[in-house]
């Protein structure tokens, strides 16, 4: 069987035999050149055959040497190009980039980032430029939109945040995003994104949600991995200040009352085991950015994740949001965010808190005020415990036809990596 597979290289039309032959002939020329220059006493017959007259040996030997080197390099290059074209035609012209991503990025630190929504995908987009050892732990409790509908109709975990993170980690995100983020506008698929449907289809085919994630990650050739916090069907529950309970992420976001604390609809929710394993061996752990009550805290409510995170030897970062969120964190400062987070995890286990210091332009600021959101005020000057890192991290992008602020993914990731690098070097 192995011999048969090896002989396939000799099939007509493969486009590789000619370049192997060129490289082989070039190497022979190179060897002859070496012989003429340095080994004439060993092979006098060859010298007499190739050199027509005295004095030409040095010239002919040098020419053969140069021609052999050039021919061998050209033959190997064309051979590799033919192989790449046959195996992965999209890699033509990007071989150097792909080797970089596979070799150098694989030596980067192991990072575990916990969250959900768009905030986590922004962070991942920057991290993948520094390391491919990334594990994104994503909350799977969404009840709205396409994800909520698929969850109700197919009894699967909501795929929306998972999809966003997989796309953010894709090796060629610019080509992938437009395709898998496409939403149908008509028919029975109206409102569904193509990526969500692909994940749903892969779960039906593989029989498990985690295998569907792994399969889609493989298809999109992502740098890192995406894991659900749990494989159990569970809802978020918010206890409001008046003591009433609101169930479901979408319903919680819509409720204008202040949230007192977050719960899960089940008392004991088993974490996805690989999440705990990744926390144990992580060098860096990052919480946020993202919705405090509906993206970050839900991961900490799943059994053992918070305690395992606290005990992890990794350097731990918390990224404070840029803006308050209407209905969730109205009036919250950076200290308020930390105090709320402290109800679910020991804040002293954190090493760094990252806060944006770049002001928002006034026209855009007014737009947010009209929507009930304001910048999160940095009041951490005398914070005891984690070190506060301030930096210009603002980026303004067009989203659904209007300017929107978000963290600059590259600057945020660079700040984290540069802060952690001295620690890792030790």
Protein backbone atom coordinates (compact mmCIF):
# COMPACT_ATOMS: atom_id res chain seq x y z
CA UNK A 1 0.00 0.00 0.00
CA UNK A 2 2.80 2.42 0.93
CA UNK A 3 4.67 1.58 -2.28
CA UNK A 4 1.53 2.25 -4.32
CA UNK A 5 1.07 5.64 -2.66
CA UNK A 6 4.72 6.51 -3.27
CA UNK A 7 4.43 5.62 -6.97
CA UNK A 8 1.63 8.17 -7.38
CA UNK A 9 4.30 10.85 -7.49
CA UNK A 10 5.24 9.37 -10.89
CA UNK A 11 1.75 9.73 -12.39
CA UNK A 12 1.51 12.00 -15.47
CA UNK A 13 0.31 15.56 -14.87
CA UNK A 14 1.51 15.82 -11.27
CA UNK A 15 3.73 18.76 -12.15
CA UNK A 16 6.54 17.73 -9.81
CA UNK A 17 8.73 15.17 -11.66
CA UNK A 18 10.27 17.77 -14.00
CA UNK A 19 11.37 19.97 -11.13
CA UNK A 20 12.83 17.03 -9.23
CA UNK A 21 14.79 16.19 -12.37
CA UNK A 22 15.97 19.81 -12.75
CA UNK A 23 17.11 19.89 -9.13
CA UNK A 24 18.90 16.51 -9.51
CA UNK A 25 20.74 17.56 -12.69
CA UNK A 26 21.69 20.84 -11.08
CA UNK A 27 23.15 19.02 -8.11
CA UNK A 28 25.19 16.84 -10.49
CA UNK A 29 26.52 19.98 -12.16
CA UNK A 30 27.35 21.36 -8.73
CA UNK A 31 29.24 18.19 -7.83
CA UNK A 32 31.14 18.24 -11.15
CA UNK A 33 32.07 21.85 -10.46
CA UNK A 34 33.46 20.89 -7.06
CA UNK A 35 35.42 18.07 -8.67
CA UNK A 36 36.93 20.36 -11.30
CA UNK A 37 37.89 22.96 -8.73
CA UNK A 38 39.12 20.79 -5.89
CA UNK A 39 39.30 17.15 -6.88
CA UNK A 40 41.10 16.90 -10.23
CA UNK A 41 43.69 14.49 -8.83
CA UNK A 42 40.93 12.10 -7.74
CA UNK A 43 39.15 11.93 -11.11
CA UNK A 44 41.65 12.73 -13.83
CA UNK A 45 39.46 11.04 -16.46
CA UNK A 46 36.54 13.38 -15.72
CA UNK A 47 38.84 16.38 -15.75
CA UNK A 48 40.23 15.42 -19.13
CA UNK A 49 36.70 14.88 -20.48
CA UNK A 50 35.27 18.23 -19.35
CA UNK A 51 38.30 20.53 -19.81
CA UNK A 52 39.25 20.95 -23.52
CA UNK A 53 42.50 22.80 -22.84
CA UNK A 54 44.68 23.80 -19.89
CA UNK A 55 43.53 26.97 -18.11
CA UNK A 56 39.80 26.34 -18.61
CA UNK A 57 39.37 24.21 -15.49
CA UNK A 58 38.82 27.10 -13.10
CA UNK A 59 36.33 28.82 -15.43
CA UNK A 60 34.30 25.71 -16.24
CA UNK A 61 34.32 24.54 -12.62
CA UNK A 62 33.08 27.91 -11.39
CA UNK A 63 30.33 28.02 -14.02
CA UNK A 64 29.17 24.51 -13.14
CA UNK A 65 29.23 25.40 -9.45
CA UNK A 66 27.08 28.51 -9.92
CA UNK A 67 24.76 26.86 -12.42
CA UNK A 68 24.32 23.91 -10.07
CA UNK A 69 23.41 26.13 -7.12
CA UNK A 70 20.99 28.22 -9.16
CA UNK A 71 19.40 25.21 -10.84
CA UNK A 72 18.99 23.31 -7.57
CA UNK A 73 17.37 26.32 -5.89
CA UNK A 74 15.04 26.87 -8.86
CA UNK A 75 14.09 23.19 -9.06
CA UNK A 76 13.35 22.93 -5.34
CA UNK A 77 11.34 26.16 -5.46
CA UNK A 78 9.19 24.98 -8.37
CA UNK A 79 8.78 21.54 -6.77
CA UNK A 80 7.52 23.05 -3.52
CA UNK A 81 5.26 25.45 -5.43
CA UNK A 82 3.71 22.54 -7.34
CA UNK A 83 3.12 20.61 -4.13
CA UNK A 84 1.55 23.64 -2.40
CA UNK A 85 -0.61 24.36 -5.44
CA UNK A 86 -1.91 20.80 -5.40
CA UNK A 87 -2.47 20.57 -1.65
CA UNK A 88 -3.43 24.14 -0.65
CA UNK A 89 -3.70 26.49 -3.65
CA UNK A 90 -4.80 29.37 -1.40
CA UNK A 91 -1.35 29.28 0.21
CA UNK A 92 0.45 30.32 -3.01
CA UNK A 93 2.33 33.53 -2.21
CA UNK A 94 1.64 33.14 1.53
CA UNK A 95 4.03 30.32 2.38
CA UNK A 96 6.24 32.60 4.48
CA UNK A 97 3.24 33.90 6.40
CA UNK A 98 1.94 30.38 6.98
CA UNK A 99 5.31 29.12 8.21
CA UNK A 100 5.47 32.12 10.55
CA UNK A 101 2.03 31.39 11.93
CA UNK A 102 2.79 27.69 12.36
CA UNK A 103 6.33 27.89 13.72
CA UNK A 104 6.89 31.18 15.51
CA UNK A 105 3.35 31.73 16.79
CA UNK A 106 3.30 28.19 18.12
CA UNK A 107 6.08 29.23 20.51
CA UNK A 108 3.98 32.04 21.98
CA UNK A 109 2.52 31.93 25.49
CA UNK A 110 -0.53 29.82 26.25
CA UNK A 111 -3.49 32.16 26.77
CA UNK A 112 -6.98 31.49 28.11
CA UNK A 113 -9.51 34.25 27.39
CA UNK A 114 -12.97 34.08 28.95
CA UNK A 115 -16.02 35.97 27.77
CA UNK A 116 -18.62 36.08 25.04
CA UNK A 117 -20.28 38.49 22.68
CA UNK A 118 -18.24 40.85 20.52
CA UNK A 119 -15.76 41.86 23.23
CA UNK A 120 -14.02 38.49 23.31
CA UNK A 121 -13.74 38.29 19.52
CA UNK A 122 -12.08 41.74 19.48
CA UNK A 123 -9.46 40.52 21.95
CA UNK A 124 -8.85 37.27 20.06
CA UNK A 125 -8.30 39.16 16.82
CA UNK A 126 -5.30 40.87 18.37
CA UNK A 127 -3.95 37.91 20.34
CA UNK A 128 -3.64 35.68 17.29
CA UNK A 129 -0.92 37.99 15.92
CA UNK A 130 1.30 37.09 18.90
CA UNK A 131 0.53 33.45 19.65
CA UNK A 132 -1.43 30.50 18.33
CA UNK A 133 -1.70 28.91 21.77
CA UNK A 134 -5.05 30.53 22.48
CA UNK A 135 -8.06 29.01 24.19
CA UNK A 136 -11.26 31.05 24.05
CA UNK A 137 -13.78 30.00 26.71
CA UNK A 138 -17.22 31.15 25.61
CA UNK A 139 -20.49 31.43 27.50
CA UNK A 140 -23.28 29.46 25.79
CA UNK A 141 -26.44 30.87 27.35
CA UNK A 142 -27.79 33.20 24.66
CA UNK A 143 -31.57 33.16 24.19
CA UNK A 144 -32.07 35.75 21.46
CA UNK A 145 -31.77 36.07 17.69
CA UNK A 146 -30.62 33.26 15.45
CA UNK A 147 -28.81 31.49 18.31
CA UNK A 148 -31.89 31.47 20.52
CA UNK A 149 -34.11 30.20 17.74
CA UNK A 150 -31.75 27.34 16.86
CA UNK A 151 -31.48 26.52 20.54
CA UNK A 152 -35.25 26.22 20.89
CA UNK A 153 -35.94 24.41 17.63
CA UNK A 154 -32.95 22.02 17.48
CA UNK A 155 -32.13 21.73 21.18
CA UNK A 156 -28.51 22.75 20.60
CA UNK A 157 -26.34 25.17 22.53
CA UNK A 158 -26.45 28.71 21.08
CA UNK A 159 -23.73 28.96 18.43
CA UNK A 160 -23.56 32.75 17.88
CA UNK A 161 -20.73 33.73 20.23
CA UNK A 162 -18.86 30.54 19.34
CA UNK A 163 -19.12 31.49 15.66
CA UNK A 164 -17.77 34.99 16.28
CA UNK A 165 -14.76 33.67 18.16
CA UNK A 166 -13.95 31.02 15.55
CA UNK A 167 -14.07 33.65 12.80
CA UNK A 168 -11.89 36.03 14.84
CA UNK A 169 -9.24 33.32 15.16
CA UNK A 170 -9.42 32.25 11.50
CA UNK A 171 -6.10 32.34 9.69
CA UNK A 172 -7.62 34.40 6.85
CA UNK A 173 -10.41 36.28 8.62
CA UNK A 174 -10.86 38.85 5.84
CA UNK A 175 -12.17 36.15 3.48
CA UNK A 176 -14.06 34.12 6.05
CA UNK A 177 -15.96 36.81 7.95
CA UNK A 178 -18.15 38.03 5.10
CA UNK A 179 -19.14 34.47 4.22
CA UNK A 180 -19.94 32.99 7.63
CA UNK A 181 -21.40 36.22 9.07
CA UNK A 182 -23.88 36.49 6.18
CA UNK A 183 -27.49 36.57 7.36
CA UNK A 184 -30.39 35.31 5.29
CA UNK A 185 -33.12 37.88 4.70
CA UNK A 186 -35.91 35.77 3.26
CA UNK A 187 -37.62 32.43 3.67
CA UNK A 188 -37.46 30.04 6.59
CA UNK A 189 -33.79 30.93 7.18
CA UNK A 190 -34.61 34.61 7.64
CA UNK A 191 -32.40 36.10 10.36
CA UNK A 192 -30.04 33.13 10.59
CA UNK A 193 -26.33 33.56 9.91
CA UNK A 194 -24.62 31.06 7.66
CA UNK A 195 -22.06 30.29 10.38
CA UNK A 196 -24.76 29.38 12.88
CA UNK A 197 -26.38 27.00 10.40
CA UNK A 198 -23.03 25.37 9.62
CA UNK A 199 -22.38 24.72 13.32
CA UNK A 200 -25.91 23.35 13.72
CA UNK A 201 -25.38 21.07 10.73
CA UNK A 202 -22.03 19.88 12.02
CA UNK A 203 -23.55 19.03 15.39
CA UNK A 204 -26.23 16.97 13.69
CA UNK A 205 -23.53 15.18 11.71
CA UNK A 206 -21.07 14.62 14.57
CA UNK A 207 -23.63 14.21 17.35
CA UNK A 208 -21.88 16.57 19.77
CA UNK A 209 -21.59 20.34 20.08
CA UNK A 210 -17.89 20.29 21.02
CA UNK A 211 -17.07 18.10 18.01
CA UNK A 212 -19.00 20.51 15.78
CA UNK A 213 -16.88 23.39 17.11
CA UNK A 214 -13.69 21.41 16.53
CA UNK A 215 -14.75 20.53 12.99
CA UNK A 216 -15.57 24.12 12.06
CA UNK A 217 -12.31 25.28 13.66
CA UNK A 218 -10.45 22.79 11.47
CA UNK A 219 -12.29 23.89 8.34
CA UNK A 220 -11.41 27.56 8.98
CA UNK A 221 -7.84 26.76 10.05
CA UNK A 222 -8.00 28.86 13.22
CA UNK A 223 -5.06 29.91 15.38
CA UNK A 224 -6.04 28.42 18.71
CA UNK A 225 -9.19 26.72 19.91
CA UNK A 226 -12.67 27.69 21.05
CA UNK A 227 -14.34 25.86 23.93
CA UNK A 228 -17.81 26.19 25.46
CA UNK A 229 -17.83 26.85 29.21
CA UNK A 230 -20.23 23.93 29.57
CA UNK A 231 -22.10 21.44 27.41
CA UNK A 232 -25.23 21.61 29.56
CA UNK A 233 -28.36 23.46 28.53
CA UNK A 234 -28.67 26.20 31.14
CA UNK A 235 -30.12 29.72 31.31
CA UNK A 236 -28.90 32.88 32.96
CA UNK A 237 -31.04 34.17 35.82
CA UNK A 238 -30.76 37.69 37.23
CA UNK A 239 -31.97 38.64 40.68
CA UNK A 240 -33.01 42.28 40.55
CA UNK A 241 -32.71 44.79 43.39
CA UNK A 242 -36.40 44.31 44.22
CA UNK A 243 -35.83 40.56 44.66
CA UNK A 244 -37.61 39.44 41.47
CA UNK A 245 -35.98 36.96 39.11
CA UNK A 246 -35.58 37.40 35.36
CA UNK A 247 -34.63 34.35 33.26
CA UNK A 248 -32.87 34.42 29.90
CA UNK A 249 -30.06 36.61 28.60
CA UNK A 250 -32.24 38.60 26.21
CA UNK A 251 -34.87 39.25 28.87
CA UNK A 252 -32.22 40.36 31.38
CA UNK A 253 -30.71 42.85 28.95
CA UNK A 254 -34.13 44.33 28.18
CA UNK A 255 -35.13 44.73 31.83
CA UNK A 256 -34.35 48.31 33.00
CA UNK A 257 -34.06 47.40 36.69
CA UNK A 258 -30.65 47.21 38.37
CA UNK A 259 -29.17 43.73 38.70
CA UNK A 260 -28.35 42.55 42.21
CA UNK A 261 -26.69 39.24 41.36
CA UNK A 262 -26.44 36.60 38.64
CA UNK A 263 -27.43 32.94 38.94
CA UNK A 264 -27.83 29.92 36.71
CA UNK A 265 -31.09 28.05 36.19
CA UNK A 266 -29.40 24.91 37.61
CA UNK A 267 -27.62 24.66 40.93
CA UNK A 268 -24.72 22.58 39.69
CA UNK A 269 -23.49 23.00 36.15
CA UNK A 270 -20.57 20.87 35.07
CA UNK A 271 -17.78 22.73 33.27
CA UNK A 272 -16.37 21.44 30.04
CA UNK A 273 -13.40 19.46 31.32
CA UNK A 274 -10.90 20.81 28.80
CA UNK A 275 -11.57 24.33 30.08
CA UNK A 276 -10.22 23.36 33.51
CA UNK A 277 -7.21 21.67 31.93
CA UNK A 278 -6.37 24.77 29.90
CA UNK A 279 -6.65 27.00 32.99
CA UNK A 280 -4.19 24.74 34.80
CA UNK A 281 -1.50 25.09 32.13
CA UNK A 282 -2.17 28.66 31.02
CA UNK A 283 0.53 31.33 31.23
CA UNK A 284 -1.96 34.16 30.78
CA UNK A 285 -5.66 34.37 31.68
CA UNK A 286 -7.76 37.29 30.44
CA UNK A 287 -11.25 38.33 31.52
CA UNK A 288 -13.06 40.77 29.26
CA UNK A 289 -13.74 42.98 27.53
CA UNK A 290 -17.43 42.22 27.24
CA UNK A 291 -20.78 42.53 28.95
CA UNK A 292 -20.08 42.17 32.66
CA UNK A 293 -23.32 40.42 33.66
CA UNK A 294 -24.10 38.44 30.50
CA UNK A 295 -20.68 37.57 29.02
CA UNK A 296 -17.99 37.48 31.71
CA UNK A 297 -19.76 36.51 34.94
CA UNK A 298 -21.70 33.58 33.36
CA UNK A 299 -18.42 31.72 32.79
CA UNK A 300 -17.55 32.16 36.47
CA UNK A 301 -20.89 30.69 37.55
CA UNK A 302 -20.15 27.34 35.91
CA UNK A 303 -18.86 24.86 38.49
CA UNK A 304 -15.13 25.00 39.37
CA UNK A 305 -14.14 27.55 36.71
CA UNK A 306 -13.86 30.46 39.16
CA UNK A 307 -11.95 28.45 41.77
CA UNK A 308 -9.62 26.92 39.16
CA UNK A 309 -8.98 30.37 37.72
CA UNK A 310 -8.10 31.75 41.15
CA UNK A 311 -5.61 28.93 41.76
CA UNK A 312 -4.02 29.11 38.31
CA UNK A 313 -0.37 30.16 38.27
CA UNK A 314 -0.96 32.27 35.16
CA UNK A 315 -0.71 36.05 35.08
CA UNK A 316 -4.31 37.29 35.17
CA UNK A 317 -5.73 40.36 33.43
CA UNK A 318 -9.12 42.03 33.61
CA UNK A 319 -10.00 44.40 30.75
CA UNK A 320 -12.50 47.06 31.82
CA UNK A 321 -15.16 47.98 29.27
CA UNK A 322 -14.98 51.28 27.40
CA UNK A 323 -18.62 52.25 27.95
CA UNK A 324 -21.40 51.55 30.40
CA UNK A 325 -24.23 49.36 29.10
CA UNK A 326 -27.81 50.58 29.39
CA UNK A 327 -29.84 48.25 31.59
CA UNK A 328 -26.75 46.44 32.91
CA UNK A 329 -24.03 48.76 34.19
CA UNK A 330 -25.66 52.20 34.27
CA UNK A 331 -23.49 54.52 36.34
CA UNK A 332 -20.73 51.92 36.81
CA UNK A 333 -17.15 53.15 37.18
CA UNK A 334 -14.07 50.95 36.79
CA UNK A 335 -14.15 50.31 40.54
CA UNK A 336 -17.82 49.33 40.31
CA UNK A 337 -16.96 46.77 37.65
CA UNK A 338 -14.24 45.30 39.84
CA UNK A 339 -16.46 45.27 42.94
CA UNK A 340 -19.19 43.41 41.02
CA UNK A 341 -16.68 40.94 39.62
CA UNK A 342 -15.41 40.44 43.17
CA UNK A 343 -18.67 38.74 44.14
CA UNK A 344 -17.80 35.83 41.86
CA UNK A 345 -14.00 35.70 41.99
CA UNK A 346 -11.30 36.82 44.40
CA UNK A 347 -10.10 40.13 42.96
CA UNK A 348 -6.75 39.82 44.71
CA UNK A 349 -6.00 36.85 42.43
CA UNK A 350 -5.84 39.28 39.50
CA UNK A 351 -2.46 40.74 38.57
CA UNK A 352 -3.49 43.56 36.22
CA UNK A 353 -6.52 45.70 35.43
CA UNK A 354 -6.48 47.39 32.01
CA UNK A 355 -8.29 50.72 31.57
CA UNK A 356 -8.58 52.87 28.47
CA UNK A 357 -7.20 56.43 28.82
CA UNK A 358 -8.05 57.74 25.35
CA UNK A 359 -10.93 60.26 25.26
CA UNK A 360 -13.89 59.73 22.94
CA UNK A 361 -14.57 62.50 20.38
CA UNK A 362 -17.44 64.75 21.45
CA UNK A 363 -19.86 64.07 18.52
CA UNK A 364 -19.59 60.33 19.15
CA UNK A 365 -19.84 60.86 22.89
CA UNK A 366 -23.14 62.65 22.41
CA UNK A 367 -24.44 59.77 20.31
CA UNK A 368 -23.74 57.40 23.19
CA UNK A 369 -25.31 59.74 25.73
CA UNK A 370 -28.48 59.74 23.65
CA UNK A 371 -28.47 55.94 23.89
CA UNK A 372 -27.95 55.99 27.66
CA UNK A 373 -24.26 55.05 27.72
CA UNK A 374 -21.21 56.97 28.98
CA UNK A 375 -17.47 56.19 29.19
CA UNK A 376 -16.44 54.07 32.17
CA UNK A 377 -14.66 56.42 34.57
CA UNK A 378 -11.24 55.31 35.80
CA UNK A 379 -11.36 55.68 39.60
CA UNK A 380 -8.69 53.09 40.39
CA UNK A 381 -5.88 55.48 41.40
CA UNK A 382 -5.57 54.04 44.93
CA UNK A 383 -6.55 50.46 44.09
CA UNK A 384 -4.90 47.88 46.35
CA UNK A 385 -4.01 44.58 44.78
CA UNK A 386 -3.93 44.37 40.97
CA UNK A 387 -1.70 46.78 39.08
CA UNK A 388 -3.65 49.27 36.94
CA UNK A 389 -2.48 49.62 33.32
CA UNK A 390 -3.69 52.72 31.49
CA UNK A 391 -3.27 53.04 27.72
CA UNK A 392 -4.85 54.56 24.61
CA UNK A 393 -6.90 51.60 23.43
CA UNK A 394 -9.77 53.21 21.55
CA UNK A 395 -10.76 52.38 18.00
CA UNK A 396 -13.72 53.84 16.10
CA UNK A 397 -15.35 51.59 13.51
CA UNK A 398 -18.47 51.69 11.35
CA UNK A 399 -21.06 49.22 12.59
CA UNK A 400 -24.47 48.96 10.97
CA UNK A 401 -24.00 52.36 9.37
CA UNK A 402 -22.94 54.35 12.44
CA UNK A 403 -19.62 54.98 14.24
CA UNK A 404 -18.99 52.74 17.23
CA UNK A 405 -16.17 52.56 19.77
CA UNK A 406 -14.37 49.35 20.62
CA UNK A 407 -11.00 48.29 21.93
CA UNK A 408 -8.18 48.41 19.41
CA UNK A 409 -7.44 44.69 19.21
CA UNK A 410 -3.76 45.01 18.25
CA UNK A 411 -2.89 47.63 20.86
CA UNK A 412 -4.75 45.73 23.57
CA UNK A 413 -3.04 42.45 22.73
CA UNK A 414 0.36 44.15 22.49
CA UNK A 415 -0.08 45.73 25.93
CA UNK A 416 -0.93 42.36 27.46
CA UNK A 417 1.95 40.56 25.76
CA UNK A 418 4.54 43.21 26.58
CA UNK A 419 3.40 43.30 30.20
CA UNK A 420 3.60 39.52 30.52
CA UNK A 421 6.84 39.05 28.57
CA UNK A 422 9.28 39.89 31.40
CA UNK A 423 7.42 37.49 33.68
CA UNK A 424 7.60 34.74 31.06
CA UNK A 425 11.32 35.34 30.45
CA UNK A 426 12.06 34.41 34.07
